[in-house]
Amino acid sequence: MRKKNTESIGEVLSQFFSENEVFQKKLGENRILNGWEELLGASIASYTTNLYIRNSILHVHVSSSVLRSELIINRHNLVKKLNKHAGMEVIKDIVFR
């Protein structure tokens, strides 16, 4: 016997993630970390290592001092671009080391 109020798995998962803010934030963080190379390009991503997010701050280790200074100058634009890619405000600042 088939139930009348059946839902697809995609709809159930979408509803579950939309109701839980913790999962939404973790998914946004994952989108930012995975989208770093896509948004900045392979050449810039090759100089960056050890990306992680702690307390809404993205920490990035950069091996080139010249690239680090360029990224620091464009920090606010990068925050906007990464949050837009995530679909929500996940990070508030970026720290380059």
PDB file of N, CA and C in Angstrom:
ATOM      1  N   MET A   1       0.841  -1.164   0.000  1.00  0.00           N
ATOM      2  CA  MET A   1       0.000   0.000   0.000  1.00  0.00           C
ATOM      3  C   MET A   1       0.899   1.244   0.000  1.00  0.00           C
ATOM      4  N   ARG A   2       0.582   2.176  -0.826  1.00  0.00           N
ATOM      5  CA  ARG A   2       1.380   3.378  -0.964  1.00  0.00           C
ATOM      6  C   ARG A   2       0.782   4.516  -0.139  1.00  0.00           C
ATOM      7  N   LYS A   3       1.660   5.227   0.567  1.00  0.00           N
ATOM      8  CA  LYS A   3       1.195   6.356   1.363  1.00  0.00           C
ATOM      9  C   LYS A   3       0.919   7.551   0.461  1.00  0.00           C
ATOM     10  N   LYS A   4      -0.033   8.366   0.859  1.00  0.00           N
ATOM     11  CA  LYS A   4      -0.413   9.504   0.035  1.00  0.00           C
ATOM     12  C   LYS A   4       0.513  10.700   0.215  1.00  0.00           C
ATOM     13  N   ASN A   5       1.198  10.785   1.328  1.00  0.00           N
ATOM     14  CA  ASN A   5       2.056  11.938   1.580  1.00  0.00           C
ATOM     15  C   ASN A   5       3.541  11.585   1.415  1.00  0.00           C
ATOM     16  N   THR A   6       3.858  10.858   0.382  1.00  0.00           N
ATOM     17  CA  THR A   6       5.254  10.470   0.157  1.00  0.00           C
ATOM     18  C   THR A   6       6.044  11.661  -0.356  1.00  0.00           C
ATOM     19  N   GLU A   7       7.327  11.680   0.028  1.00  0.00           N
ATOM     20  CA  GLU A   7       8.252  12.724  -0.413  1.00  0.00           C
ATOM     21  C   GLU A   7       9.513  12.052  -0.918  1.00  0.00           C
ATOM     22  N   SER A   8      10.178  12.712  -1.824  1.00  0.00           N
ATOM     23  CA  SER A   8      11.427  12.151  -2.329  1.00  0.00           C
ATOM     24  C   SER A   8      12.531  12.350  -1.293  1.00  0.00           C
ATOM     25  N   ILE A   9      13.579  11.591  -1.429  1.00  0.00           N
ATOM     26  CA  ILE A   9      14.706  11.696  -0.495  1.00  0.00           C
ATOM     27  C   ILE A   9      15.329  13.078  -0.584  1.00  0.00           C
ATOM     28  N   GLY A  10      15.416  13.629  -1.777  1.00  0.00           N
ATOM     29  CA  GLY A  10      15.978  14.969  -1.955  1.00  0.00           C
ATOM     30  C   GLY A  10      15.187  16.027  -1.207  1.00  0.00           C
ATOM     31  N   GLU A  11      13.869  15.928  -1.249  1.00  0.00           N
ATOM     32  CA  GLU A  11      13.027  16.886  -0.536  1.00  0.00           C
ATOM     33  C   GLU A  11      13.192  16.756   0.967  1.00  0.00           C
ATOM     34  N   VAL A  12      13.283  15.543   1.463  1.00  0.00           N
ATOM     35  CA  VAL A  12      13.444  15.314   2.898  1.00  0.00           C
ATOM     36  C   VAL A  12      14.793  15.850   3.366  1.00  0.00           C
ATOM     37  N   LEU A  13      15.856  15.563   2.615  1.00  0.00           N
ATOM     38  CA  LEU A  13      17.185  16.062   2.986  1.00  0.00           C
ATOM     39  C   LEU A  13      17.241  17.583   2.916  1.00  0.00           C
ATOM     40  N   SER A  14      16.645  18.157   1.897  1.00  0.00           N
ATOM     41  CA  SER A  14      16.618  19.615   1.775  1.00  0.00           C
ATOM     42  C   SER A  14      15.900  20.243   2.952  1.00  0.00           C
ATOM     43  N   GLN A  15      14.793  19.667   3.341  1.00  0.00           N
ATOM     44  CA  GLN A  15      14.035  20.171   4.488  1.00  0.00           C
ATOM     45  C   GLN A  15      14.846  20.016   5.775  1.00  0.00           C
ATOM     46  N   PHE A  16      15.520  18.897   5.936  1.00  0.00           N
ATOM     47  CA  PHE A  16      16.334  18.652   7.132  1.00  0.00           C
ATOM     48  C   PHE A  16      17.454  19.678   7.252  1.00  0.00           C
ATOM     49  N   PHE A  17      18.182  19.931   6.158  1.00  0.00           N
ATOM     50  CA  PHE A  17      19.295  20.867   6.209  1.00  0.00           C
ATOM     51  C   PHE A  17      18.818  22.312   6.342  1.00  0.00           C
ATOM     52  N   SER A  18      17.656  22.636   5.810  1.00  0.00           N
ATOM     53  CA  SER A  18      17.158  24.007   5.940  1.00  0.00           C
ATOM     54  C   SER A  18      16.686  24.302   7.355  1.00  0.00           C
ATOM     55  N   GLU A  19      16.297  23.287   8.101  1.00  0.00           N
ATOM     56  CA  GLU A  19      15.831  23.491   9.466  1.00  0.00           C
ATOM     57  C   GLU A  19      16.962  23.517  10.484  1.00  0.00           C
ATOM     58  N   ASN A  20      18.126  22.984  10.152  1.00  0.00           N
ATOM     59  CA  ASN A  20      19.240  22.904  11.093  1.00  0.00           C
ATOM     60  C   ASN A  20      20.333  23.885  10.704  1.00  0.00           C
ATOM     61  N   GLU A  21      20.490  24.940  11.492  1.00  0.00           N
ATOM     62  CA  GLU A  21      21.455  25.996  11.195  1.00  0.00           C
ATOM     63  C   GLU A  21      22.895  25.517  11.289  1.00  0.00           C
ATOM     64  N   VAL A  22      23.159  24.576  12.182  1.00  0.00           N
ATOM     65  CA  VAL A  22      24.523  24.061  12.335  1.00  0.00           C
ATOM     66  C   VAL A  22      24.968  23.378  11.053  1.00  0.00           C
ATOM     67  N   PHE A  23      24.103  22.565  10.470  1.00  0.00           N
ATOM     68  CA  PHE A  23      24.439  21.892   9.232  1.00  0.00           C
ATOM     69  C   PHE A  23      24.567  22.874   8.082  1.00  0.00           C
ATOM     70  N   GLN A  24      23.729  23.910   8.067  1.00  0.00           N
ATOM     71  CA  GLN A  24      23.828  24.928   7.020  1.00  0.00           C
ATOM     72  C   GLN A  24      25.185  25.608   7.067  1.00  0.00           C
ATOM     73  N   LYS A  25      25.635  25.966   8.260  1.00  0.00           N
ATOM     74  CA  LYS A  25      26.917  26.646   8.402  1.00  0.00           C
ATOM     75  C   LYS A  25      28.066  25.727   8.000  1.00  0.00           C
ATOM     76  N   LYS A  26      28.011  24.473   8.396  1.00  0.00           N
ATOM     77  CA  LYS A  26      29.062  23.523   8.042  1.00  0.00           C
ATOM     78  C   LYS A  26      29.095  23.285   6.531  1.00  0.00           C
ATOM     79  N   LEU A  27      27.938  23.224   5.908  1.00  0.00           N
ATOM     80  CA  LEU A  27      27.903  23.078   4.450  1.00  0.00           C
ATOM     81  C   LEU A  27      28.470  24.313   3.769  1.00  0.00           C
ATOM     82  N   GLY A  28      28.172  25.494   4.299  1.00  0.00           N
ATOM     83  CA  GLY A  28      28.731  26.727   3.756  1.00  0.00           C
ATOM     84  C   GLY A  28      30.238  26.767   3.893  1.00  0.00           C
ATOM     85  N   GLU A  29      30.755  26.336   5.045  1.00  0.00           N
ATOM     86  CA  GLU A  29      32.202  26.290   5.248  1.00  0.00           C
ATOM     87  C   GLU A  29      32.842  25.328   4.252  1.00  0.00           C
ATOM     88  N   ASN A  30      32.212  24.208   4.055  1.00  0.00           N
ATOM     89  CA  ASN A  30      32.740  23.227   3.099  1.00  0.00           C
ATOM     90  C   ASN A  30      32.735  23.781   1.679  1.00  0.00           C
ATOM     91  N   ARG A  31      31.692  24.512   1.309  1.00  0.00           N
ATOM     92  CA  ARG A  31      31.642  25.123  -0.025  1.00  0.00           C
ATOM     93  C   ARG A  31      32.770  26.133  -0.213  1.00  0.00           C
ATOM     94  N   ILE A  32      33.075  26.896   0.834  1.00  0.00           N
ATOM     95  CA  ILE A  32      34.151  27.887   0.745  1.00  0.00           C
ATOM     96  C   ILE A  32      35.493  27.197   0.582  1.00  0.00           C
ATOM     97  N   LEU A  33      35.759  26.193   1.391  1.00  0.00           N
ATOM     98  CA  LEU A  33      37.050  25.513   1.320  1.00  0.00           C
ATOM     99  C   LEU A  33      37.231  24.781  -0.009  1.00  0.00           C
ATOM    100  N   ASN A  34      36.161  24.172  -0.513  1.00  0.00           N
ATOM    101  CA  ASN A  34      36.246  23.471  -1.792  1.00  0.00           C
ATOM    102  C   ASN A  34      36.251  24.434  -2.977  1.00  0.00           C
ATOM    103  N   GLY A  35      35.671  25.615  -2.814  1.00  0.00           N
ATOM    104  CA  GLY A  35      35.594  26.568  -3.915  1.00  0.00           C
ATOM    105  C   GLY A  35      36.769  27.525  -3.990  1.00  0.00           C
ATOM    106  N   TRP A  36      37.724  27.409  -3.078  1.00  0.00           N
ATOM    107  CA  TRP A  36      38.883  28.313  -3.062  1.00  0.00           C
ATOM    108  C   TRP A  36      39.630  28.273  -4.392  1.00  0.00           C
ATOM    109  N   GLU A  37      39.969  27.076  -4.855  1.00  0.00           N
ATOM    110  CA  GLU A  37      40.715  26.953  -6.115  1.00  0.00           C
ATOM    111  C   GLU A  37      39.863  27.391  -7.298  1.00  0.00           C
ATOM    112  N   GLU A  38      38.598  27.070  -7.272  1.00  0.00           N
ATOM    113  CA  GLU A  38      37.693  27.444  -8.367  1.00  0.00           C
ATOM    114  C   GLU A  38      37.571  28.965  -8.498  1.00  0.00           C
ATOM    115  N   LEU A  39      37.471  29.665  -7.377  1.00  0.00           N
ATOM    116  CA  LEU A  39      37.273  31.109  -7.410  1.00  0.00           C
ATOM    117  C   LEU A  39      38.558  31.883  -7.675  1.00  0.00           C
ATOM    118  N   LEU A  40      39.675  31.406  -7.140  1.00  0.00           N
ATOM    119  CA  LEU A  40      40.924  32.148  -7.275  1.00  0.00           C
ATOM    120  C   LEU A  40      41.827  31.624  -8.376  1.00  0.00           C
ATOM    121  N   GLY A  41      41.559  30.459  -8.877  1.00  0.00           N
ATOM    122  CA  GLY A  41      42.370  29.895  -9.947  1.00  0.00           C
ATOM    123  C   GLY A  41      43.428  28.943  -9.419  1.00  0.00           C
ATOM    124  N   ALA A  42      43.903  28.090 -10.298  1.00  0.00           N
ATOM    125  CA  ALA A  42      44.865  27.058  -9.913  1.00  0.00           C
ATOM    126  C   ALA A  42      46.225  27.638  -9.566  1.00  0.00           C
ATOM    127  N   SER A  43      46.623  28.716 -10.243  1.00  0.00           N
ATOM    128  CA  SER A  43      47.948  29.282  -9.982  1.00  0.00           C
ATOM    129  C   SER A  43      48.036  29.887  -8.580  1.00  0.00           C
ATOM    130  N   ILE A  44      47.008  30.591  -8.146  1.00  0.00           N
ATOM    131  CA  ILE A  44      47.009  31.162  -6.795  1.00  0.00           C
ATOM    132  C   ILE A  44      46.832  30.054  -5.762  1.00  0.00           C
ATOM    133  N   ALA A  45      45.985  29.088  -6.051  1.00  0.00           N
ATOM    134  CA  ALA A  45      45.745  27.998  -5.112  1.00  0.00           C
ATOM    135  C   ALA A  45      46.995  27.151  -4.892  1.00  0.00           C
ATOM    136  N   SER A  46      47.890  27.119  -5.868  1.00  0.00           N
ATOM    137  CA  SER A  46      49.107  26.335  -5.696  1.00  0.00           C
ATOM    138  C   SER A  46      50.042  26.947  -4.653  1.00  0.00           C
ATOM    139  N   TYR A  47      49.930  28.245  -4.391  1.00  0.00           N
ATOM    140  CA  TYR A  47      50.746  28.920  -3.384  1.00  0.00           C
ATOM    141  C   TYR A  47      50.084  28.931  -2.006  1.00  0.00           C
ATOM    142  N   THR A  48      48.844  28.465  -1.914  1.00  0.00           N
ATOM    143  CA  THR A  48      48.131  28.473  -0.644  1.00  0.00           C
ATOM    144  C   THR A  48      47.991  27.057  -0.114  1.00  0.00           C
ATOM    145  N   THR A  49      48.159  26.914   1.178  1.00  0.00           N
ATOM    146  CA  THR A  49      48.002  25.615   1.836  1.00  0.00           C
ATOM    147  C   THR A  49      47.294  25.831   3.165  1.00  0.00           C
ATOM    148  N   ASN A  50      46.884  24.734   3.758  1.00  0.00           N
ATOM    149  CA  ASN A  50      46.330  24.724   5.100  1.00  0.00           C
ATOM    150  C   ASN A  50      45.208  25.742   5.287  1.00  0.00           C
ATOM    151  N   LEU A  51      44.143  25.585   4.532  1.00  0.00           N
ATOM    152  CA  LEU A  51      42.956  26.422   4.677  1.00  0.00           C
ATOM    153  C   LEU A  51      42.056  25.823   5.752  1.00  0.00           C
ATOM    154  N   TYR A  52      41.625  26.648   6.690  1.00  0.00           N
ATOM    155  CA  TYR A  52      40.660  26.204   7.678  1.00  0.00           C
ATOM    156  C   TYR A  52      39.880  27.409   8.194  1.00  0.00           C
ATOM    157  N   ILE A  53      38.693  27.138   8.732  1.00  0.00           N
ATOM    158  CA  ILE A  53      37.822  28.188   9.249  1.00  0.00           C
ATOM    159  C   ILE A  53      37.645  27.957  10.744  1.00  0.00           C
ATOM    160  N   ARG A  54      37.889  29.015  11.510  1.00  0.00           N
ATOM    161  CA  ARG A  54      37.706  28.959  12.963  1.00  0.00           C
ATOM    162  C   ARG A  54      37.097  30.278  13.398  1.00  0.00           C
ATOM    163  N   ASN A  55      35.979  30.203  14.100  1.00  0.00           N
ATOM    164  CA  ASN A  55      35.269  31.380  14.612  1.00  0.00           C
ATOM    165  C   ASN A  55      34.933  32.376  13.501  1.00  0.00           C
ATOM    166  N   SER A  56      34.442  31.895  12.392  1.00  0.00           N
ATOM    167  CA  SER A  56      34.036  32.700  11.226  1.00  0.00           C
ATOM    168  C   SER A  56      35.195  33.459  10.593  1.00  0.00           C
ATOM    169  N   ILE A  57      36.420  32.986  10.787  1.00  0.00           N
ATOM    170  CA  ILE A  57      37.596  33.579  10.163  1.00  0.00           C
ATOM    171  C   ILE A  57      38.301  32.502   9.351  1.00  0.00           C
ATOM    172  N   LEU A  58      38.530  32.787   8.084  1.00  0.00           N
ATOM    173  CA  LEU A  58      39.241  31.867   7.207  1.00  0.00           C
ATOM    174  C   LEU A  58      40.737  32.107   7.364  1.00  0.00           C
ATOM    175  N   HIS A  59      41.470  31.056   7.704  1.00  0.00           N
ATOM    176  CA  HIS A  59      42.919  31.131   7.864  1.00  0.00           C
ATOM    177  C   HIS A  59      43.565  30.456   6.659  1.00  0.00           C
ATOM    178  N   VAL A  60      44.499  31.177   6.024  1.00  0.00           N
ATOM    179  CA  VAL A  60      45.157  30.672   4.821  1.00  0.00           C
ATOM    180  C   VAL A  60      46.658  30.866   4.968  1.00  0.00           C
ATOM    181  N   HIS A  61      47.413  29.814   4.723  1.00  0.00           N
ATOM    182  CA  HIS A  61      48.872  29.914   4.719  1.00  0.00           C
ATOM    183  C   HIS A  61      49.319  30.115   3.265  1.00  0.00           C
ATOM    184  N   VAL A  62      50.074  31.187   3.030  1.00  0.00           N
ATOM    185  CA  VAL A  62      50.520  31.547   1.681  1.00  0.00           C
ATOM    186  C   VAL A  62      52.042  31.468   1.657  1.00  0.00           C
ATOM    187  N   SER A  63      52.595  30.786   0.655  1.00  0.00           N
ATOM    188  CA  SER A  63      54.043  30.603   0.588  1.00  0.00           C
ATOM    189  C   SER A  63      54.758  31.763  -0.111  1.00  0.00           C
ATOM    190  N   SER A  64      54.037  32.621  -0.803  1.00  0.00           N
ATOM    191  CA  SER A  64      54.642  33.751  -1.510  1.00  0.00           C
ATOM    192  C   SER A  64      54.275  35.054  -0.802  1.00  0.00           C
ATOM    193  N   SER A  65      55.300  35.821  -0.428  1.00  0.00           N
ATOM    194  CA  SER A  65      55.038  37.085   0.272  1.00  0.00           C
ATOM    195  C   SER A  65      54.382  38.114  -0.643  1.00  0.00           C
ATOM    196  N   VAL A  66      54.723  38.089  -1.928  1.00  0.00           N
ATOM    197  CA  VAL A  66      54.121  39.024  -2.880  1.00  0.00           C
ATOM    198  C   VAL A  66      52.634  38.719  -3.038  1.00  0.00           C
ATOM    199  N   LEU A  67      52.312  37.451  -3.188  1.00  0.00           N
ATOM    200  CA  LEU A  67      50.915  37.051  -3.313  1.00  0.00           C
ATOM    201  C   LEU A  67      50.150  37.355  -2.023  1.00  0.00           C
ATOM    202  N   ARG A  68      50.784  37.147  -0.875  1.00  0.00           N
ATOM    203  CA  ARG A  68      50.155  37.440   0.405  1.00  0.00           C
ATOM    204  C   ARG A  68      49.752  38.910   0.496  1.00  0.00           C
ATOM    205  N   SER A  69      50.642  39.804   0.083  1.00  0.00           N
ATOM    206  CA  SER A  69      50.317  41.237   0.149  1.00  0.00           C
ATOM    207  C   SER A  69      49.183  41.589  -0.815  1.00  0.00           C
ATOM    208  N   GLU A  70      49.148  40.979  -1.988  1.00  0.00           N
ATOM    209  CA  GLU A  70      48.046  41.221  -2.932  1.00  0.00           C
ATOM    210  C   GLU A  70      46.715  40.712  -2.373  1.00  0.00           C
ATOM    211  N   LEU A  71      46.751  39.562  -1.738  1.00  0.00           N
ATOM    212  CA  LEU A  71      45.523  39.013  -1.160  1.00  0.00           C
ATOM    213  C   LEU A  71      45.042  39.852   0.020  1.00  0.00           C
ATOM    214  N   ILE A  72      45.971  40.380   0.803  1.00  0.00           N
ATOM    215  CA  ILE A  72      45.586  41.241   1.928  1.00  0.00           C
ATOM    216  C   ILE A  72      44.897  42.502   1.423  1.00  0.00           C
ATOM    217  N   ILE A  73      45.392  43.045   0.315  1.00  0.00           N
ATOM    218  CA  ILE A  73      44.773  44.243  -0.256  1.00  0.00           C
ATOM    219  C   ILE A  73      43.339  43.944  -0.708  1.00  0.00           C
ATOM    220  N   ASN A  74      43.113  42.769  -1.270  1.00  0.00           N
ATOM    221  CA  ASN A  74      41.797  42.394  -1.802  1.00  0.00           C
ATOM    222  C   ASN A  74      40.975  41.558  -0.821  1.00  0.00           C
ATOM    223  N   ARG A  75      41.297  41.609   0.457  1.00  0.00           N
ATOM    224  CA  ARG A  75      40.661  40.769   1.464  1.00  0.00           C
ATOM    225  C   ARG A  75      39.137  40.944   1.510  1.00  0.00           C
ATOM    226  N   HIS A  76      38.652  42.172   1.508  1.00  0.00           N
ATOM    227  CA  HIS A  76      37.209  42.410   1.645  1.00  0.00           C
ATOM    228  C   HIS A  76      36.446  41.908   0.425  1.00  0.00           C
ATOM    229  N   ASN A  77      37.018  42.064  -0.756  1.00  0.00           N
ATOM    230  CA  ASN A  77      36.368  41.545  -1.956  1.00  0.00           C
ATOM    231  C   ASN A  77      36.343  40.018  -1.941  1.00  0.00           C
ATOM    232  N   LEU A  78      37.408  39.401  -1.430  1.00  0.00           N
ATOM    233  CA  LEU A  78      37.449  37.944  -1.338  1.00  0.00           C
ATOM    234  C   LEU A  78      36.393  37.413  -0.369  1.00  0.00           C
ATOM    235  N   VAL A  79      36.203  38.106   0.740  1.00  0.00           N
ATOM    236  CA  VAL A  79      35.187  37.691   1.716  1.00  0.00           C
ATOM    237  C   VAL A  79      33.806  37.717   1.068  1.00  0.00           C
ATOM    238  N   LYS A  80      33.516  38.787   0.350  1.00  0.00           N
ATOM    239  CA  LYS A  80      32.211  38.892  -0.328  1.00  0.00           C
ATOM    240  C   LYS A  80      32.047  37.796  -1.364  1.00  0.00           C
ATOM    241  N   LYS A  81      33.102  37.558  -2.154  1.00  0.00           N
ATOM    242  CA  LYS A  81      33.042  36.556  -3.215  1.00  0.00           C
ATOM    243  C   LYS A  81      32.876  35.150  -2.641  1.00  0.00           C
ATOM    244  N   LEU A  82      33.595  34.830  -1.578  1.00  0.00           N
ATOM    245  CA  LEU A  82      33.502  33.503  -0.973  1.00  0.00           C
ATOM    246  C   LEU A  82      32.148  33.286  -0.307  1.00  0.00           C
ATOM    247  N   ASN A  83      31.625  34.315   0.375  1.00  0.00           N
ATOM    248  CA  ASN A  83      30.297  34.191   0.985  1.00  0.00           C
ATOM    249  C   ASN A  83      29.215  34.042  -0.074  1.00  0.00           C
ATOM    250  N   LYS A  84      29.365  34.726  -1.178  1.00  0.00           N
ATOM    251  CA  LYS A  84      28.405  34.594  -2.273  1.00  0.00           C
ATOM    252  C   LYS A  84      28.443  33.182  -2.842  1.00  0.00           C
ATOM    253  N   HIS A  85      29.643  32.626  -2.954  1.00  0.00           N
ATOM    254  CA  HIS A  85      29.795  31.252  -3.452  1.00  0.00           C
ATOM    255  C   HIS A  85      29.144  30.253  -2.497  1.00  0.00           C
ATOM    256  N   ALA A  86      29.240  30.525  -1.190  1.00  0.00           N
ATOM    257  CA  ALA A  86      28.641  29.631  -0.193  1.00  0.00           C
ATOM    258  C   ALA A  86      27.124  29.791  -0.124  1.00  0.00           C
ATOM    259  N   GLY A  87      26.620  30.949  -0.554  1.00  0.00           N
ATOM    260  CA  GLY A  87      25.182  31.181  -0.519  1.00  0.00           C
ATOM    261  C   GLY A  87      24.691  31.756   0.791  1.00  0.00           C
ATOM    262  N   MET A  88      25.601  32.090   1.684  1.00  0.00           N
ATOM    263  CA  MET A  88      25.245  32.669   2.985  1.00  0.00           C
ATOM    264  C   MET A  88      26.502  33.300   3.573  1.00  0.00           C
ATOM    265  N   GLU A  89      26.323  34.078   4.635  1.00  0.00           N
ATOM    266  CA  GLU A  89      27.486  34.679   5.277  1.00  0.00           C
ATOM    267  C   GLU A  89      28.104  33.659   6.233  1.00  0.00           C
ATOM    268  N   VAL A  90      29.249  33.152   5.828  1.00  0.00           N
ATOM    269  CA  VAL A  90      29.934  32.137   6.621  1.00  0.00           C
ATOM    270  C   VAL A  90      31.167  32.725   7.290  1.00  0.00           C
ATOM    271  N   ILE A  91      31.942  33.498   6.528  1.00  0.00           N
ATOM    272  CA  ILE A  91      33.170  34.073   7.082  1.00  0.00           C
ATOM    273  C   ILE A  91      33.029  35.587   7.178  1.00  0.00           C
ATOM    274  N   LYS A  92      33.737  36.160   8.143  1.00  0.00           N
ATOM    275  CA  LYS A  92      33.712  37.601   8.330  1.00  0.00           C
ATOM    276  C   LYS A  92      35.047  38.239   8.007  1.00  0.00           C
ATOM    277  N   ASP A  93      36.108  37.448   8.024  1.00  0.00           N
ATOM    278  CA  ASP A  93      37.437  37.982   7.753  1.00  0.00           C
ATOM    279  C   ASP A  93      38.333  36.850   7.270  1.00  0.00           C
ATOM    280  N   ILE A  94      39.476  37.222   6.703  1.00  0.00           N
ATOM    281  CA  ILE A  94      40.478  36.268   6.252  1.00  0.00           C
ATOM    282  C   ILE A  94      41.808  36.671   6.862  1.00  0.00           C
ATOM    283  N   VAL A  95      42.534  35.694   7.371  1.00  0.00           N
ATOM    284  CA  VAL A  95      43.867  35.919   7.912  1.00  0.00           C
ATOM    285  C   VAL A  95      44.851  35.170   7.018  1.00  0.00           C
ATOM    286  N   PHE A  96      45.830  35.906   6.496  1.00  0.00           N
ATOM    287  CA  PHE A  96      46.857  35.300   5.657  1.00  0.00           C
ATOM    288  C   PHE A  96      48.139  35.191   6.465  1.00  0.00           C
ATOM    289  N   ARG A  97      48.773  34.025   6.448  1.00  0.00           N
ATOM    290  CA  ARG A  97      50.020  33.801   7.180  1.00  0.00           C
ATOM    291  C   ARG A  97      51.105  33.376   6.236  1.00  0.00           C
TER     292      ARG A  97
END
